Amino acid sequence: MLRGAALRVTRPRVAVLAAVHAYPHADTDSLIGAVRQDSGDVSHQAVYDVLRALTDAGLVRRIQPTGSVARYEARVGDNHHHLVCRSCGAIADVDCTVGDSPCLTASDDAGYVIDEAEVLYWGRCPACAQSSERTEPTGERAT
């Protein structure tokens, strides 16, 4: 993958790319921990530099939901969207529901050539929703 993107194959790049594939939607600190566990001592700066190079090369996608740190995923090129839990911060992929990329048609494109739409769906994941239902008073639902 690295060679195909015209990037040199280095130990940190291989380790970070493997970690992003193993831990979708992981933040930088989690990726640093995973890389260090598998490959030994790698500096924070090296991981940041590799993430930037991988993102610029299109091998990794960076997402940053409002109120969250940047997260990285290896699922690129398909313009999928994300579900974000308001309670625990879990993130899940969701495919486009209608049409081709960019999935949405702007009511007025203002002359732009649109090639991507970014959609975040916010709510509560199944575990948080179930936990909330168990702790709410009978007959009343939190809003």
N, C-alpha and C. Protein backbone atom coordinates (compact mmCIF):
# COMPACT_ATOMS: atom_id res chain seq x y z
N MET A 1 0.83 -1.20 0.00
CA MET A 1 0.00 0.00 0.00
C MET A 1 0.87 1.26 0.00
N LEU A 2 1.92 1.24 0.82
CA LEU A 2 2.81 2.40 0.90
C LEU A 2 3.49 2.66 -0.45
N ARG A 3 4.03 1.62 -1.02
CA ARG A 3 4.70 1.78 -2.32
C ARG A 3 3.72 2.27 -3.38
N GLY A 4 2.51 1.73 -3.36
CA GLY A 4 1.49 2.14 -4.31
C GLY A 4 1.12 3.61 -4.19
N ALA A 5 1.34 4.19 -3.01
CA ALA A 5 1.07 5.60 -2.78
C ALA A 5 2.34 6.45 -2.89
N ALA A 6 3.40 5.84 -3.42
CA ALA A 6 4.70 6.52 -3.62
C ALA A 6 5.33 6.96 -2.30
N LEU A 7 5.11 6.16 -1.25
CA LEU A 7 5.74 6.43 0.04
C LEU A 7 6.79 5.35 0.31
N ARG A 8 7.88 5.78 0.92
CA ARG A 8 8.90 4.81 1.32
C ARG A 8 8.33 3.90 2.40
N VAL A 9 8.73 2.66 2.38
CA VAL A 9 8.31 1.70 3.39
C VAL A 9 9.28 1.80 4.56
N THR A 10 8.77 2.29 5.69
CA THR A 10 9.58 2.40 6.90
C THR A 10 8.87 1.67 8.03
N ARG A 11 9.61 1.31 9.06
CA ARG A 11 9.02 0.61 10.20
C ARG A 11 7.89 1.42 10.84
N PRO A 12 8.08 2.72 11.11
CA PRO A 12 6.97 3.48 11.69
C PRO A 12 5.74 3.56 10.78
N ARG A 13 5.93 3.70 9.48
CA ARG A 13 4.78 3.78 8.57
C ARG A 13 4.01 2.47 8.54
N VAL A 14 4.73 1.37 8.49
CA VAL A 14 4.08 0.06 8.49
C VAL A 14 3.32 -0.14 9.80
N ALA A 15 3.95 0.22 10.91
CA ALA A 15 3.33 0.03 12.23
C ALA A 15 2.08 0.89 12.40
N VAL A 16 2.16 2.15 11.99
CA VAL A 16 1.00 3.04 12.13
C VAL A 16 -0.12 2.60 11.20
N LEU A 17 0.19 2.25 9.98
CA LEU A 17 -0.83 1.79 9.05
C LEU A 17 -1.52 0.53 9.57
N ALA A 18 -0.74 -0.38 10.13
CA ALA A 18 -1.31 -1.60 10.71
C ALA A 18 -2.23 -1.26 11.89
N ALA A 19 -1.81 -0.31 12.72
CA ALA A 19 -2.62 0.08 13.88
C ALA A 19 -3.93 0.73 13.45
N VAL A 20 -3.89 1.56 12.42
CA VAL A 20 -5.12 2.20 11.93
C VAL A 20 -6.08 1.14 11.39
N HIS A 21 -5.54 0.13 10.71
CA HIS A 21 -6.39 -0.96 10.21
C HIS A 21 -6.96 -1.78 11.37
N ALA A 22 -6.18 -1.98 12.41
CA ALA A 22 -6.62 -2.81 13.54
C ALA A 22 -7.60 -2.08 14.46
N TYR A 23 -7.50 -0.76 14.54
CA TYR A 23 -8.32 0.03 15.47
C TYR A 23 -8.99 1.18 14.74
N PRO A 24 -10.06 0.90 14.00
CA PRO A 24 -10.76 1.97 13.28
C PRO A 24 -11.29 3.03 14.24
N HIS A 25 -11.20 4.27 13.84
CA HIS A 25 -11.68 5.43 14.59
C HIS A 25 -10.87 5.70 15.84
N ALA A 26 -9.64 5.20 15.90
CA ALA A 26 -8.78 5.42 17.07
C ALA A 26 -8.21 6.83 17.03
N ASP A 27 -7.99 7.38 18.22
CA ASP A 27 -7.34 8.69 18.31
C ASP A 27 -5.82 8.49 18.30
N THR A 28 -5.10 9.57 18.22
CA THR A 28 -3.64 9.50 18.09
C THR A 28 -3.01 8.80 19.29
N ASP A 29 -3.43 9.12 20.49
CA ASP A 29 -2.84 8.49 21.68
C ASP A 29 -3.04 6.98 21.67
N SER A 30 -4.22 6.53 21.26
CA SER A 30 -4.47 5.09 21.18
C SER A 30 -3.58 4.44 20.13
N LEU A 31 -3.41 5.12 19.01
CA LEU A 31 -2.54 4.59 17.95
C LEU A 31 -1.09 4.54 18.40
N ILE A 32 -0.65 5.55 19.12
CA ILE A 32 0.72 5.55 19.66
C ILE A 32 0.91 4.34 20.57
N GLY A 33 -0.06 4.09 21.45
CA GLY A 33 0.01 2.93 22.34
C GLY A 33 0.07 1.62 21.58
N ALA A 34 -0.75 1.49 20.55
CA ALA A 34 -0.77 0.26 19.75
C ALA A 34 0.55 0.07 19.01
N VAL A 35 1.07 1.14 18.45
CA VAL A 35 2.34 1.06 17.72
C VAL A 35 3.47 0.68 18.67
N ARG A 36 3.50 1.30 19.84
CA ARG A 36 4.56 0.99 20.80
C ARG A 36 4.46 -0.44 21.31
N GLN A 37 3.26 -0.94 21.47
CA GLN A 37 3.07 -2.32 21.93
C GLN A 37 3.60 -3.31 20.90
N ASP A 38 3.39 -3.02 19.62
CA ASP A 38 3.81 -3.93 18.57
C ASP A 38 5.23 -3.71 18.07
N SER A 39 5.69 -2.46 18.09
CA SER A 39 6.96 -2.14 17.44
C SER A 39 8.01 -1.50 18.34
N GLY A 40 7.74 -1.39 19.61
CA GLY A 40 8.72 -0.79 20.50
C GLY A 40 8.59 0.72 20.53
N ASP A 41 9.67 1.36 20.89
CA ASP A 41 9.67 2.80 21.13
C ASP A 41 9.61 3.59 19.83
N VAL A 42 8.51 4.30 19.64
CA VAL A 42 8.32 5.20 18.51
C VAL A 42 7.84 6.52 19.11
N SER A 43 8.43 7.61 18.68
CA SER A 43 8.10 8.91 19.27
C SER A 43 6.70 9.37 18.86
N HIS A 44 6.13 10.24 19.71
CA HIS A 44 4.84 10.86 19.39
C HIS A 44 4.94 11.56 18.03
N GLN A 45 6.02 12.32 17.86
CA GLN A 45 6.17 13.10 16.63
C GLN A 45 6.23 12.21 15.40
N ALA A 46 6.89 11.06 15.52
CA ALA A 46 6.96 10.14 14.38
C ALA A 46 5.57 9.65 14.01
N VAL A 47 4.74 9.33 14.99
CA VAL A 47 3.38 8.85 14.71
C VAL A 47 2.56 9.98 14.07
N TYR A 48 2.67 11.20 14.61
CA TYR A 48 1.96 12.33 14.02
C TYR A 48 2.40 12.55 12.58
N ASP A 49 3.69 12.50 12.33
CA ASP A 49 4.22 12.69 10.97
C ASP A 49 3.72 11.60 10.02
N VAL A 50 3.72 10.37 10.49
CA VAL A 50 3.25 9.26 9.66
C VAL A 50 1.76 9.41 9.37
N LEU A 51 0.97 9.75 10.38
CA LEU A 51 -0.47 9.94 10.16
C LEU A 51 -0.73 11.03 9.13
N ARG A 52 0.03 12.11 9.20
CA ARG A 52 -0.13 13.19 8.22
C ARG A 52 0.24 12.69 6.82
N ALA A 53 1.34 11.95 6.70
CA ALA A 53 1.76 11.43 5.39
C ALA A 53 0.74 10.44 4.83
N LEU A 54 0.23 9.56 5.69
CA LEU A 54 -0.76 8.57 5.25
C LEU A 54 -2.06 9.24 4.83
N THR A 55 -2.45 10.27 5.57
CA THR A 55 -3.67 11.02 5.23
C THR A 55 -3.48 11.76 3.91
N ASP A 56 -2.35 12.44 3.77
CA ASP A 56 -2.07 13.18 2.53
C ASP A 56 -2.03 12.24 1.32
N ALA A 57 -1.56 11.02 1.53
CA ALA A 57 -1.46 10.04 0.44
C ALA A 57 -2.78 9.34 0.16
N GLY A 58 -3.79 9.57 0.99
CA GLY A 58 -5.10 8.96 0.79
C GLY A 58 -5.20 7.53 1.31
N LEU A 59 -4.23 7.10 2.12
CA LEU A 59 -4.29 5.75 2.69
C LEU A 59 -5.08 5.70 3.99
N VAL A 60 -5.26 6.86 4.60
CA VAL A 60 -5.95 6.98 5.89
C VAL A 60 -6.87 8.19 5.80
N ARG A 61 -8.00 8.09 6.47
CA ARG A 61 -8.93 9.21 6.54
C ARG A 61 -8.94 9.75 7.96
N ARG A 62 -8.88 11.05 8.09
CA ARG A 62 -8.94 11.73 9.39
C ARG A 62 -10.34 12.30 9.56
N ILE A 63 -10.96 11.98 10.70
CA ILE A 63 -12.26 12.56 11.01
C ILE A 63 -12.15 13.23 12.37
N GLN A 64 -12.94 14.26 12.58
CA GLN A 64 -12.93 14.93 13.87
C GLN A 64 -14.33 15.45 14.20
N PRO A 65 -15.14 14.57 14.80
CA PRO A 65 -16.48 15.01 15.21
C PRO A 65 -16.38 16.18 16.19
N THR A 66 -17.34 17.07 16.15
CA THR A 66 -17.36 18.22 17.04
C THR A 66 -17.17 17.77 18.49
N GLY A 67 -16.25 18.42 19.18
CA GLY A 67 -16.00 18.11 20.58
C GLY A 67 -15.09 16.91 20.79
N SER A 68 -14.53 16.35 19.74
CA SER A 68 -13.69 15.17 19.84
C SER A 68 -12.31 15.47 19.28
N VAL A 69 -11.35 14.68 19.70
CA VAL A 69 -10.02 14.74 19.10
C VAL A 69 -10.08 14.09 17.73
N ALA A 70 -9.07 14.31 16.92
CA ALA A 70 -9.00 13.69 15.60
C ALA A 70 -8.92 12.18 15.76
N ARG A 71 -9.56 11.50 14.84
CA ARG A 71 -9.55 10.04 14.81
C ARG A 71 -9.22 9.61 13.38
N TYR A 72 -8.72 8.39 13.25
CA TYR A 72 -8.22 7.92 11.96
C TYR A 72 -8.83 6.57 11.62
N GLU A 73 -9.03 6.38 10.32
CA GLU A 73 -9.56 5.10 9.84
C GLU A 73 -8.94 4.77 8.49
N ALA A 74 -8.92 3.49 8.19
CA ALA A 74 -8.34 3.02 6.93
C ALA A 74 -9.38 2.89 5.84
N ARG A 75 -10.63 3.06 6.15
CA ARG A 75 -11.69 2.96 5.13
C ARG A 75 -11.72 4.29 4.37
N VAL A 76 -11.19 4.28 3.18
CA VAL A 76 -11.08 5.51 2.40
C VAL A 76 -11.70 5.31 1.02
N GLY A 77 -12.04 6.41 0.39
CA GLY A 77 -12.46 6.38 -1.01
C GLY A 77 -13.89 6.03 -1.27
N ASP A 78 -14.69 5.78 -0.24
CA ASP A 78 -16.08 5.40 -0.51
C ASP A 78 -17.09 6.41 0.03
N ASN A 79 -16.62 7.50 0.60
CA ASN A 79 -17.48 8.58 1.08
C ASN A 79 -18.57 8.10 2.04
N HIS A 80 -18.20 7.16 2.93
CA HIS A 80 -19.16 6.73 3.95
C HIS A 80 -19.27 7.80 5.04
N HIS A 81 -20.20 7.60 5.92
CA HIS A 81 -20.45 8.58 6.98
C HIS A 81 -20.28 7.90 8.34
N HIS A 82 -20.60 8.64 9.41
CA HIS A 82 -20.35 8.11 10.76
C HIS A 82 -21.53 8.38 11.69
N LEU A 83 -21.71 7.44 12.61
CA LEU A 83 -22.64 7.56 13.72
C LEU A 83 -21.78 7.84 14.95
N VAL A 84 -22.16 8.83 15.76
CA VAL A 84 -21.39 9.18 16.95
C VAL A 84 -22.30 9.15 18.16
N CYS A 85 -21.88 8.41 19.20
CA CYS A 85 -22.67 8.34 20.43
C CYS A 85 -22.41 9.57 21.28
N ARG A 86 -23.48 10.26 21.64
CA ARG A 86 -23.37 11.45 22.49
C ARG A 86 -22.94 11.10 23.92
N SER A 87 -23.18 9.86 24.34
CA SER A 87 -22.88 9.48 25.72
C SER A 87 -21.45 9.01 25.89
N CYS A 88 -21.03 8.01 25.11
CA CYS A 88 -19.70 7.41 25.32
C CYS A 88 -18.68 7.79 24.25
N GLY A 89 -19.13 8.42 23.17
CA GLY A 89 -18.21 8.84 22.12
C GLY A 89 -17.88 7.77 21.09
N ALA A 90 -18.50 6.60 21.19
CA ALA A 90 -18.24 5.54 20.21
C ALA A 90 -18.59 6.04 18.81
N ILE A 91 -17.85 5.55 17.83
CA ILE A 91 -18.07 5.93 16.44
C ILE A 91 -18.25 4.67 15.61
N ALA A 92 -19.23 4.68 14.73
CA ALA A 92 -19.47 3.55 13.83
C ALA A 92 -19.64 4.08 12.42
N ASP A 93 -19.23 3.27 11.45
CA ASP A 93 -19.41 3.62 10.04
C ASP A 93 -20.85 3.40 9.63
N VAL A 94 -21.31 4.22 8.70
CA VAL A 94 -22.62 4.01 8.08
C VAL A 94 -22.46 4.33 6.60
N ASP A 95 -22.92 3.41 5.75
CA ASP A 95 -22.83 3.62 4.31
C ASP A 95 -23.82 4.69 3.88
N CYS A 96 -23.56 5.26 2.73
CA CYS A 96 -24.51 6.20 2.14
C CYS A 96 -25.81 5.44 1.90
N THR A 97 -26.91 6.10 2.14
CA THR A 97 -28.18 5.41 2.02
C THR A 97 -28.81 5.55 0.65
N VAL A 98 -28.50 6.60 -0.07
CA VAL A 98 -29.14 6.84 -1.35
C VAL A 98 -28.12 7.41 -2.33
N GLY A 99 -28.14 6.93 -3.54
CA GLY A 99 -27.39 7.53 -4.62
C GLY A 99 -25.90 7.27 -4.59
N ASP A 100 -25.22 7.93 -5.48
CA ASP A 100 -23.78 7.80 -5.61
C ASP A 100 -23.07 8.91 -4.85
N SER A 101 -21.78 8.76 -4.71
CA SER A 101 -20.97 9.80 -4.09
C SER A 101 -21.22 11.10 -4.83
N PRO A 102 -21.49 12.19 -4.22
CA PRO A 102 -21.31 12.47 -2.81
C PRO A 102 -22.50 12.21 -1.92
N CYS A 103 -23.44 11.43 -2.30
CA CYS A 103 -24.58 11.01 -1.48
C CYS A 103 -25.63 12.08 -1.30
N LEU A 104 -25.25 13.30 -1.27
CA LEU A 104 -26.20 14.38 -1.07
C LEU A 104 -26.05 15.38 -2.21
N THR A 105 -27.12 15.97 -2.59
CA THR A 105 -27.08 17.01 -3.60
C THR A 105 -27.40 18.33 -2.92
N ALA A 106 -26.48 19.26 -3.02
CA ALA A 106 -26.68 20.57 -2.41
C ALA A 106 -27.79 21.31 -3.14
N SER A 107 -28.61 22.05 -2.39
CA SER A 107 -29.69 22.79 -3.02
C SER A 107 -29.13 23.90 -3.91
N ASP A 108 -27.96 24.41 -3.56
CA ASP A 108 -27.27 25.41 -4.39
C ASP A 108 -25.79 25.15 -4.24
N ASP A 109 -25.15 24.68 -5.31
CA ASP A 109 -23.73 24.34 -5.21
C ASP A 109 -22.82 25.55 -5.35
N ALA A 110 -23.36 26.74 -5.58
CA ALA A 110 -22.61 27.99 -5.67
C ALA A 110 -21.45 27.89 -6.65
N GLY A 111 -21.60 27.05 -7.65
CA GLY A 111 -20.57 26.91 -8.66
C GLY A 111 -19.47 25.92 -8.31
N TYR A 112 -19.53 25.33 -7.12
CA TYR A 112 -18.52 24.35 -6.70
C TYR A 112 -18.72 23.03 -7.43
N VAL A 113 -17.65 22.32 -7.66
CA VAL A 113 -17.72 20.96 -8.17
C VAL A 113 -17.59 20.07 -6.94
N ILE A 114 -18.70 19.58 -6.45
CA ILE A 114 -18.74 18.83 -5.19
C ILE A 114 -18.30 17.39 -5.44
N ASP A 115 -17.36 16.91 -4.64
CA ASP A 115 -16.89 15.53 -4.80
C ASP A 115 -16.98 14.72 -3.52
N GLU A 116 -17.46 15.33 -2.45
CA GLU A 116 -17.58 14.61 -1.19
C GLU A 116 -18.60 15.30 -0.31
N ALA A 117 -19.35 14.50 0.44
CA ALA A 117 -20.26 15.03 1.44
C ALA A 117 -19.89 14.38 2.77
N GLU A 118 -19.85 15.16 3.82
CA GLU A 118 -19.51 14.63 5.13
C GLU A 118 -20.72 14.77 6.04
N VAL A 119 -21.20 13.64 6.53
CA VAL A 119 -22.39 13.63 7.37
C VAL A 119 -22.04 12.93 8.68
N LEU A 120 -22.44 13.53 9.78
CA LEU A 120 -22.31 12.89 11.09
C LEU A 120 -23.72 12.72 11.64
N TYR A 121 -24.03 11.50 12.02
CA TYR A 121 -25.30 11.22 12.69
C TYR A 121 -24.99 11.14 14.18
N TRP A 122 -25.71 11.89 14.98
CA TRP A 122 -25.49 11.91 16.43
C TRP A 122 -26.65 11.22 17.13
N GLY A 123 -26.36 10.51 18.20
CA GLY A 123 -27.39 9.85 18.99
C GLY A 123 -26.73 9.07 20.11
N ARG A 124 -27.36 7.98 20.51
CA ARG A 124 -26.78 7.12 21.54
C ARG A 124 -26.61 5.73 20.97
N CYS A 125 -25.46 5.13 21.26
CA CYS A 125 -25.20 3.77 20.79
C CYS A 125 -26.15 2.82 21.51
N PRO A 126 -26.30 1.59 21.03
CA PRO A 126 -27.23 0.64 21.66
C PRO A 126 -26.94 0.43 23.14
N ALA A 127 -25.68 0.32 23.53
CA ALA A 127 -25.35 0.08 24.94
C ALA A 127 -25.75 1.26 25.81
N CYS A 128 -25.46 2.48 25.37
CA CYS A 128 -25.83 3.66 26.16
C CYS A 128 -27.34 3.87 26.19
N ALA A 129 -28.01 3.61 25.08
CA ALA A 129 -29.47 3.75 25.04
C ALA A 129 -30.11 2.75 25.99
N GLN A 130 -29.62 1.50 25.99
CA GLN A 130 -30.17 0.48 26.87
C GLN A 130 -29.88 0.82 28.33
N SER A 131 -28.70 1.28 28.63
CA SER A 131 -28.33 1.66 30.00
C SER A 131 -29.20 2.81 30.49
N SER A 132 -29.46 3.77 29.62
CA SER A 132 -30.29 4.92 29.96
C SER A 132 -31.72 4.50 30.24
N GLU A 133 -32.23 3.56 29.45
CA GLU A 133 -33.61 3.08 29.64
C GLU A 133 -33.76 2.40 31.00
N ARG A 134 -32.73 1.70 31.43
CA ARG A 134 -32.81 1.00 32.72
C ARG A 134 -32.78 1.96 33.90
N THR A 135 -32.20 3.16 33.73
CA THR A 135 -32.06 4.08 34.85
C THR A 135 -33.11 5.18 34.86
N GLU A 136 -33.97 5.25 33.82
CA GLU A 136 -35.01 6.28 33.77
C GLU A 136 -36.22 5.86 34.59
N PRO A 137 -36.92 6.82 35.18
CA PRO A 137 -38.15 6.50 35.92
C PRO A 137 -39.17 5.83 34.99
N THR A 138 -39.97 4.95 35.53
CA THR A 138 -40.97 4.22 34.75
C THR A 138 -41.93 5.19 34.08
N GLY A 139 -42.17 4.95 32.79
CA GLY A 139 -43.12 5.76 32.06
C GLY A 139 -42.57 7.05 31.50
N GLU A 140 -41.36 7.44 31.89
CA GLU A 140 -40.78 8.67 31.37
C GLU A 140 -39.50 8.33 30.62
N ARG A 141 -39.29 8.99 29.52
CA ARG A 141 -38.07 8.80 28.74
C ARG A 141 -37.32 10.10 28.74
N ALA A 142 -36.02 10.02 28.88
CA ALA A 142 -35.19 11.22 28.79
C ALA A 142 -35.16 11.69 27.35
N THR A 143 -35.04 12.99 27.16
CA THR A 143 -34.96 13.53 25.80
C THR A 143 -33.62 14.14 25.57
